[in-house]
């Protein structure tokens, strides 16, 4: 898994998932071929890489500590902390994420 973790920072593959893929490889290829022939490949879910993984990692560590300390963390606090960590990483304003509700939902997962 370490190999994939370096390439796909947010994929977080587990051995169980990879084993399932390998075991059912023929099934997945058939489904892919069926989707391509029907023209429905646009509906496939793709994993998106985080634009600033170092900031998200800092935020994840902060949240873990806050939760361990019993601190209630709101969406607004998460967004504020993300911006503070982006400042620490010298990320320019025009290169920052918008931190939408979608981002917040994905981060909470």
N, C-alpha and C. Protein backbone atom coordinates (compact mmCIF):
# COMPACT_ATOMS: atom_id res chain seq x y z
N UNK A 1 0.81 -1.18 0.00
CA UNK A 1 0.00 0.00 0.00
C UNK A 1 0.87 1.26 0.00
N UNK A 2 2.05 1.18 0.56
CA UNK A 2 2.93 2.35 0.63
C UNK A 2 3.24 2.89 -0.75
N UNK A 3 3.36 2.01 -1.73
CA UNK A 3 3.62 2.44 -3.11
C UNK A 3 2.52 3.37 -3.60
N UNK A 4 1.26 2.96 -3.43
CA UNK A 4 0.13 3.76 -3.90
C UNK A 4 -0.07 5.01 -3.06
N UNK A 5 0.23 4.93 -1.76
CA UNK A 5 0.08 6.10 -0.89
C UNK A 5 0.96 7.26 -1.32
N UNK A 6 2.13 6.95 -1.89
CA UNK A 6 3.03 8.00 -2.35
C UNK A 6 2.52 8.64 -3.64
N UNK A 7 1.87 7.86 -4.48
CA UNK A 7 1.39 8.35 -5.77
C UNK A 7 0.02 9.00 -5.64
N UNK A 8 -0.88 8.34 -4.93
CA UNK A 8 -2.26 8.80 -4.77
C UNK A 8 -2.48 9.14 -3.31
N UNK A 9 -2.22 10.39 -2.95
CA UNK A 9 -2.18 10.79 -1.55
C UNK A 9 -3.48 10.58 -0.80
N UNK A 10 -4.61 10.73 -1.47
CA UNK A 10 -5.89 10.62 -0.77
C UNK A 10 -6.66 9.35 -1.07
N UNK A 11 -6.09 8.47 -1.84
CA UNK A 11 -6.79 7.25 -2.21
C UNK A 11 -6.93 6.31 -1.02
N UNK A 12 -5.90 6.19 -0.22
CA UNK A 12 -5.90 5.37 0.99
C UNK A 12 -6.40 3.95 0.72
N UNK A 13 -5.72 3.28 -0.18
CA UNK A 13 -6.07 1.91 -0.54
C UNK A 13 -5.81 0.97 0.63
N UNK A 14 -6.68 0.02 0.79
CA UNK A 14 -6.53 -1.01 1.81
C UNK A 14 -6.33 -2.34 1.10
N UNK A 15 -5.66 -3.27 1.75
CA UNK A 15 -5.38 -4.58 1.16
C UNK A 15 -6.67 -5.27 0.74
N UNK A 16 -7.72 -5.14 1.53
CA UNK A 16 -9.00 -5.79 1.22
C UNK A 16 -9.55 -5.32 -0.12
N UNK A 17 -9.45 -4.02 -0.39
CA UNK A 17 -9.95 -3.46 -1.65
C UNK A 17 -9.13 -4.00 -2.83
N UNK A 18 -7.83 -4.00 -2.69
CA UNK A 18 -6.97 -4.48 -3.77
C UNK A 18 -7.21 -5.97 -4.02
N UNK A 19 -7.34 -6.74 -2.95
CA UNK A 19 -7.61 -8.17 -3.11
C UNK A 19 -8.93 -8.40 -3.85
N UNK A 20 -9.94 -7.61 -3.51
CA UNK A 20 -11.23 -7.72 -4.19
C UNK A 20 -11.10 -7.38 -5.67
N UNK A 21 -10.35 -6.32 -5.98
CA UNK A 21 -10.14 -5.94 -7.38
C UNK A 21 -9.47 -7.06 -8.16
N UNK A 22 -8.42 -7.62 -7.57
CA UNK A 22 -7.67 -8.68 -8.25
C UNK A 22 -8.56 -9.91 -8.44
N UNK A 23 -9.28 -10.26 -7.40
CA UNK A 23 -10.13 -11.45 -7.45
C UNK A 23 -11.25 -11.30 -8.50
N UNK A 24 -11.75 -10.10 -8.67
CA UNK A 24 -12.87 -9.86 -9.58
C UNK A 24 -12.46 -9.08 -10.83
N UNK A 25 -11.21 -9.18 -11.21
CA UNK A 25 -10.69 -8.38 -12.33
C UNK A 25 -11.51 -8.57 -13.60
N UNK A 26 -11.84 -9.79 -13.94
CA UNK A 26 -12.61 -10.05 -15.16
C UNK A 26 -13.96 -9.34 -15.13
N UNK A 27 -14.58 -9.36 -13.97
CA UNK A 27 -15.88 -8.68 -13.81
C UNK A 27 -15.75 -7.18 -14.05
N UNK A 28 -14.68 -6.56 -13.49
CA UNK A 28 -14.51 -5.12 -13.62
C UNK A 28 -14.21 -4.74 -15.07
N UNK A 29 -13.41 -5.56 -15.76
CA UNK A 29 -13.12 -5.28 -17.16
C UNK A 29 -14.39 -5.38 -18.00
N UNK A 30 -15.24 -6.36 -17.69
CA UNK A 30 -16.50 -6.51 -18.42
C UNK A 30 -17.39 -5.30 -18.19
N UNK A 31 -17.51 -4.87 -16.94
CA UNK A 31 -18.33 -3.69 -16.64
C UNK A 31 -17.80 -2.46 -17.37
N UNK A 32 -16.47 -2.31 -17.40
CA UNK A 32 -15.87 -1.18 -18.11
C UNK A 32 -16.19 -1.24 -19.60
N UNK A 33 -16.07 -2.42 -20.19
CA UNK A 33 -16.36 -2.58 -21.62
C UNK A 33 -17.84 -2.29 -21.90
N UNK A 34 -18.72 -2.76 -21.00
CA UNK A 34 -20.15 -2.50 -21.17
C UNK A 34 -20.45 -1.01 -21.10
N UNK A 35 -19.81 -0.32 -20.16
CA UNK A 35 -20.01 1.13 -20.03
C UNK A 35 -19.51 1.87 -21.27
N UNK A 36 -18.35 1.46 -21.76
CA UNK A 36 -17.81 2.12 -22.95
C UNK A 36 -18.71 1.90 -24.15
N UNK A 37 -19.20 0.69 -24.32
CA UNK A 37 -20.04 0.41 -25.48
C UNK A 37 -21.38 1.12 -25.39
N UNK A 38 -21.85 1.41 -24.18
CA UNK A 38 -23.12 2.12 -24.01
C UNK A 38 -22.94 3.64 -24.00
N UNK A 39 -21.67 4.08 -23.96
CA UNK A 39 -21.39 5.52 -23.94
C UNK A 39 -21.64 6.18 -22.61
N UNK A 40 -21.70 5.42 -21.53
CA UNK A 40 -22.01 5.96 -20.20
C UNK A 40 -20.78 6.16 -19.33
N UNK A 41 -19.59 6.18 -19.91
CA UNK A 41 -18.37 6.30 -19.10
C UNK A 41 -18.28 7.65 -18.40
N UNK A 42 -19.03 8.63 -18.84
CA UNK A 42 -19.00 9.94 -18.19
C UNK A 42 -19.56 9.91 -16.79
N UNK A 43 -20.27 8.85 -16.43
CA UNK A 43 -20.88 8.75 -15.11
C UNK A 43 -19.98 8.06 -14.09
N UNK A 44 -18.81 7.64 -14.50
CA UNK A 44 -17.92 6.95 -13.58
C UNK A 44 -17.33 7.91 -12.57
N UNK A 45 -17.23 7.44 -11.33
CA UNK A 45 -16.65 8.25 -10.27
C UNK A 45 -15.14 8.16 -10.36
N UNK A 46 -14.48 9.29 -10.29
CA UNK A 46 -13.03 9.32 -10.33
C UNK A 46 -12.49 9.88 -9.02
N UNK A 47 -11.35 9.36 -8.59
CA UNK A 47 -10.72 9.88 -7.39
C UNK A 47 -9.96 11.15 -7.74
N UNK A 48 -10.23 12.19 -7.00
CA UNK A 48 -9.59 13.47 -7.25
C UNK A 48 -8.50 13.70 -6.22
N UNK A 49 -7.33 14.08 -6.67
CA UNK A 49 -6.24 14.36 -5.75
C UNK A 49 -6.45 15.73 -5.11
N UNK A 50 -6.10 15.84 -3.86
CA UNK A 50 -6.19 17.11 -3.16
C UNK A 50 -5.13 18.05 -3.72
N UNK A 51 -5.51 19.30 -3.91
CA UNK A 51 -4.57 20.26 -4.45
C UNK A 51 -3.46 20.61 -3.47
N UNK A 52 -3.77 20.59 -2.20
CA UNK A 52 -2.77 20.96 -1.17
C UNK A 52 -2.76 19.89 -0.08
N UNK A 53 -2.22 18.71 -0.38
CA UNK A 53 -2.27 17.62 0.59
C UNK A 53 -1.55 17.94 1.90
N UNK A 54 -0.51 18.77 1.84
CA UNK A 54 0.21 19.09 3.07
C UNK A 54 -0.67 19.89 4.03
N UNK A 55 -1.51 20.75 3.50
CA UNK A 55 -2.42 21.54 4.34
C UNK A 55 -3.49 20.62 4.93
N UNK A 56 -4.04 19.75 4.10
CA UNK A 56 -5.05 18.82 4.61
C UNK A 56 -4.46 17.91 5.69
N UNK A 57 -3.23 17.48 5.52
CA UNK A 57 -2.58 16.63 6.52
C UNK A 57 -2.44 17.39 7.84
N UNK A 58 -2.04 18.65 7.77
CA UNK A 58 -1.92 19.47 8.98
C UNK A 58 -3.29 19.59 9.65
N UNK A 59 -4.33 19.80 8.84
CA UNK A 59 -5.68 19.93 9.38
C UNK A 59 -6.14 18.62 10.01
N UNK A 60 -5.85 17.50 9.36
CA UNK A 60 -6.22 16.20 9.92
C UNK A 60 -5.56 15.97 11.27
N UNK A 61 -4.30 16.33 11.39
CA UNK A 61 -3.60 16.18 12.67
C UNK A 61 -4.20 17.08 13.73
N UNK A 62 -4.52 18.32 13.35
CA UNK A 62 -5.12 19.25 14.29
C UNK A 62 -6.48 18.74 14.77
N UNK A 63 -7.29 18.24 13.84
CA UNK A 63 -8.62 17.73 14.19
C UNK A 63 -8.49 16.53 15.14
N UNK A 64 -7.56 15.64 14.87
CA UNK A 64 -7.36 14.47 15.74
C UNK A 64 -7.02 14.92 17.16
N UNK A 65 -6.15 15.90 17.26
CA UNK A 65 -5.77 16.42 18.58
C UNK A 65 -6.95 17.10 19.26
N UNK A 66 -7.69 17.92 18.51
CA UNK A 66 -8.84 18.63 19.07
C UNK A 66 -9.89 17.64 19.57
N UNK A 67 -10.15 16.61 18.77
CA UNK A 67 -11.14 15.62 19.19
C UNK A 67 -10.68 14.84 20.41
N UNK A 68 -9.39 14.52 20.47
CA UNK A 68 -8.84 13.82 21.63
C UNK A 68 -8.96 14.68 22.89
N UNK A 69 -8.89 16.00 22.71
CA UNK A 69 -9.01 16.93 23.83
C UNK A 69 -10.46 17.29 24.13
N UNK A 70 -11.40 16.70 23.38
CA UNK A 70 -12.83 16.95 23.62
C UNK A 70 -13.32 18.28 23.09
N UNK A 71 -12.63 18.88 22.14
CA UNK A 71 -13.03 20.16 21.57
C UNK A 71 -14.04 19.93 20.46
N UNK A 72 -15.13 20.67 20.50
CA UNK A 72 -16.16 20.59 19.46
C UNK A 72 -15.65 21.35 18.23
N UNK A 73 -15.61 20.67 17.10
CA UNK A 73 -15.07 21.26 15.87
C UNK A 73 -16.21 21.47 14.89
N UNK A 74 -16.40 22.72 14.47
CA UNK A 74 -17.45 23.04 13.50
C UNK A 74 -16.85 23.18 12.11
N UNK A 75 -17.73 23.24 11.11
CA UNK A 75 -17.28 23.45 9.74
C UNK A 75 -16.55 24.77 9.58
N UNK A 76 -17.05 25.80 10.24
CA UNK A 76 -16.42 27.12 10.16
C UNK A 76 -15.01 27.09 10.74
N UNK A 77 -14.84 26.38 11.84
CA UNK A 77 -13.52 26.26 12.47
C UNK A 77 -12.57 25.50 11.54
N UNK A 78 -13.07 24.44 10.90
CA UNK A 78 -12.23 23.69 9.96
C UNK A 78 -11.75 24.58 8.82
N UNK A 79 -12.65 25.39 8.29
CA UNK A 79 -12.28 26.29 7.20
C UNK A 79 -11.25 27.32 7.66
N UNK A 80 -11.45 27.89 8.85
CA UNK A 80 -10.50 28.86 9.37
C UNK A 80 -9.12 28.24 9.60
N UNK A 81 -9.10 27.04 10.16
CA UNK A 81 -7.83 26.36 10.41
C UNK A 81 -7.13 26.03 9.09
N UNK A 82 -7.91 25.60 8.08
CA UNK A 82 -7.31 25.30 6.78
C UNK A 82 -6.59 26.53 6.25
N UNK A 83 -7.22 27.70 6.36
CA UNK A 83 -6.59 28.94 5.88
C UNK A 83 -5.34 29.27 6.69
N UNK A 84 -5.37 29.06 7.99
CA UNK A 84 -4.17 29.31 8.81
C UNK A 84 -3.02 28.40 8.39
N UNK A 85 -3.33 27.12 8.15
CA UNK A 85 -2.29 26.19 7.72
C UNK A 85 -1.81 26.52 6.32
N UNK A 86 -2.69 27.02 5.47
CA UNK A 86 -2.29 27.45 4.13
C UNK A 86 -1.34 28.64 4.23
N UNK A 87 -1.59 29.52 5.20
CA UNK A 87 -0.67 30.64 5.44
C UNK A 87 0.71 30.11 5.83
N UNK A 88 0.73 29.12 6.71
CA UNK A 88 2.01 28.55 7.15
C UNK A 88 2.78 27.91 5.99
N UNK A 89 2.04 27.39 5.02
CA UNK A 89 2.66 26.76 3.85
C UNK A 89 2.92 27.75 2.72
N UNK A 90 2.63 29.03 2.98
CA UNK A 90 2.84 30.11 1.99
C UNK A 90 2.09 29.86 0.67
N UNK A 91 0.86 29.37 0.78
CA UNK A 91 0.03 29.16 -0.40
C UNK A 91 -0.65 30.48 -0.74
N UNK A 92 -0.46 30.92 -1.96
CA UNK A 92 -1.04 32.19 -2.41
C UNK A 92 -2.56 32.12 -2.40
N UNK A 93 -3.18 33.28 -2.20
CA UNK A 93 -4.64 33.36 -2.13
C UNK A 93 -5.31 32.78 -3.38
N UNK A 94 -4.76 33.09 -4.55
CA UNK A 94 -5.41 32.63 -5.78
C UNK A 94 -5.17 31.14 -6.07
N UNK A 95 -4.35 30.48 -5.25
CA UNK A 95 -4.10 29.05 -5.41
C UNK A 95 -4.83 28.22 -4.36
N UNK A 96 -5.61 28.86 -3.52
CA UNK A 96 -6.28 28.16 -2.42
C UNK A 96 -7.60 27.56 -2.86
N UNK A 97 -8.03 26.56 -2.13
CA UNK A 97 -9.32 25.94 -2.38
C UNK A 97 -10.43 26.88 -1.95
N UNK A 98 -11.62 26.68 -2.51
CA UNK A 98 -12.76 27.53 -2.12
C UNK A 98 -13.39 27.07 -0.81
N UNK A 99 -13.10 25.84 -0.40
CA UNK A 99 -13.60 25.27 0.85
C UNK A 99 -15.13 25.32 0.91
N UNK A 100 -15.74 24.80 -0.11
CA UNK A 100 -17.20 24.76 -0.23
C UNK A 100 -17.79 23.72 0.72
N UNK A 101 -19.11 23.63 0.71
CA UNK A 101 -19.79 22.60 1.50
C UNK A 101 -19.36 21.21 1.02
N UNK A 102 -19.15 21.07 -0.27
CA UNK A 102 -18.68 19.80 -0.81
C UNK A 102 -17.32 19.42 -0.25
N UNK A 103 -16.42 20.41 -0.19
CA UNK A 103 -15.10 20.16 0.38
C UNK A 103 -15.25 19.73 1.83
N UNK A 104 -16.09 20.45 2.57
CA UNK A 104 -16.29 20.17 3.98
C UNK A 104 -16.83 18.75 4.20
N UNK A 105 -17.80 18.38 3.40
CA UNK A 105 -18.37 17.03 3.50
C UNK A 105 -17.31 15.97 3.21
N UNK A 106 -16.54 16.19 2.15
CA UNK A 106 -15.48 15.23 1.79
C UNK A 106 -14.43 15.16 2.89
N UNK A 107 -14.07 16.29 3.46
CA UNK A 107 -13.05 16.29 4.52
C UNK A 107 -13.55 15.54 5.75
N UNK A 108 -14.80 15.73 6.10
CA UNK A 108 -15.36 15.07 7.29
C UNK A 108 -15.37 13.55 7.12
N UNK A 109 -15.55 13.10 5.88
CA UNK A 109 -15.52 11.65 5.64
C UNK A 109 -14.16 11.11 5.95
